[in-house]
Amino acid sequence: MRVARTAPYFAWIERSILLLAVLYLSFHTLPHAWKQLNTDFPNYYLTAKLVGEHTDMARAQEWVWLQRQKDLHAIPNPLIALVPITPFSTLILYPFNGLEPLTAKHVWIVCNLLLLIPLAWFLRRLTGLSYTRIALAFALSLPLHHNLLDGQFYILLLLLIVAALWSDVEGHDAAAGALVGLAAACKIFPAVLFVLFWKRRAWKALISGLLTCGACLAFAIAVFGTQIHHVYLHEVLPATLRGEALPPYATASGSITSLLHYLFLSEPEWNPHPWHVSVTAYAVLLPTVSTIPASYNFVLIVLPLCVLAARALTQQRCRWLFVILLAFALIGAPFPSAGPGRGLSILFFMPRLPMMMAATAAMAVLLWRERAPSTRFWTLENRAFAGLFLLSAGLTMMRTLKLETFARKEMAYRLPADHAMGYLRSSPQ
């Protein structure tokens, strides 16, 4: 893809913005990331360290047990949790388990910054954008800043996905499949690309990906044992798919799950007065969820941002470029969580959600317009996929309806009756 050149004054504007963004990264984000562990890095580090000490990891998903291990290793974070992290992904930090926690994070930050170099190279080859513009996409990405602050590894995940795309474009099917398999072993959701390989009859990539993912899983079972994976498969993963692995009333995530919880499900403390109490409505709409997107997840949008920006620049459509930049800026921006009892006003606290839906719809329309005129959409294979999707959605609705109904019944037994509230408020001794 060849990108049209811009006027010299515009290039100077780009460089000036890049300089300011790099200064902000250097003198604000990196010092804060360097001084403290923050939230997520200790989750990976402690698990990798316990593996290095040959600790039995069967109880690693138990919060109390993991907090005790945190205290024994003198990690200052108030809370550590493995949920909903896949066990295999924690092994990324295994080489650093001999270091002190903060020192290990320092090394990890440096590694993440170095990963931006091959990432920029791949994006340059895929989109034709200049390194200056790719660096702008990195430096202006607030999710990338959050990755560095929290010690997450979504920069590495982005590199795996971009490298897989480049390998696919260059015809290296086995490498593309292997990279997708490795990414899926780390964070599950890249496994959806296996469906793409299947649809395209890319059997070499599909087999390579499945074998790589299976090898990673076998290695994780050999290291962690079967119990932790049994808990993950039967408890953690279903809760994650429902968007409940983390607090579902945290609107800062901008997920459909949080919106549905606020609108339809009551909760004594977080949502005592939902807009409309309906477990059925929640169950029916649940298949549309985006599970638990945290702010750092959206560093992954650097790839579609670069692709769409390159397309807009090639066609010299400046208005579309501005809309693209604005939409992706809103998607990546952090937003505060709303308090309880917001009703429909909760929508004003979740601008990320409509922006994500609009961007996804726009890309779908773009792909639809560019399809070959002779392409048939309602083929037998597409109908089979649609049927499988509807079957999966129906089973999800039934399971969710049953689960949430039982949860509300159980909650009713724990809450005091209305006639007893006056007595309880008097603080009887």
Foldseek 3Di string as FASTA:
>chain_A
DAFDDDDPVVVVVLVVLLVVLVCCCVPPLQVLLLPAQPDAQCQLQLLLLCLVVVHQQLCLQPFVVVVVSCVVLVRPDPGYHCFPWQLLQSNVLNVVNVDRSSVSLVVLLVVLVVLVVVVLVLLCVVQVDDSSVLSVLQSLQVLNSVCSNNVNCVSVLLSLQSVLVSCVVVPVLLSNLLSLLVSCLGPVPSCVCLVVCVVVVVVNSNVSSVVNNVVSVVVSCVSNNVNVVVCNVPPRVVCQLQQNSDPLCFCQQLKVSNVLCQAANDDVFFANDHQHHDLLVCLLPSVVIDHGRDLNNLSSCSNVLSNVLSVCSRVVPVVVNVVSVVLSSVLNDTFGGDGYDCYPVNVVRRPNNVSVVVVVVVVVVVVVVPDDPPDDQPDPVNVVVVVVSVVVSVVSSVVSSVVSVVVVVVVVVVDDDPVCPVVVVVVDD
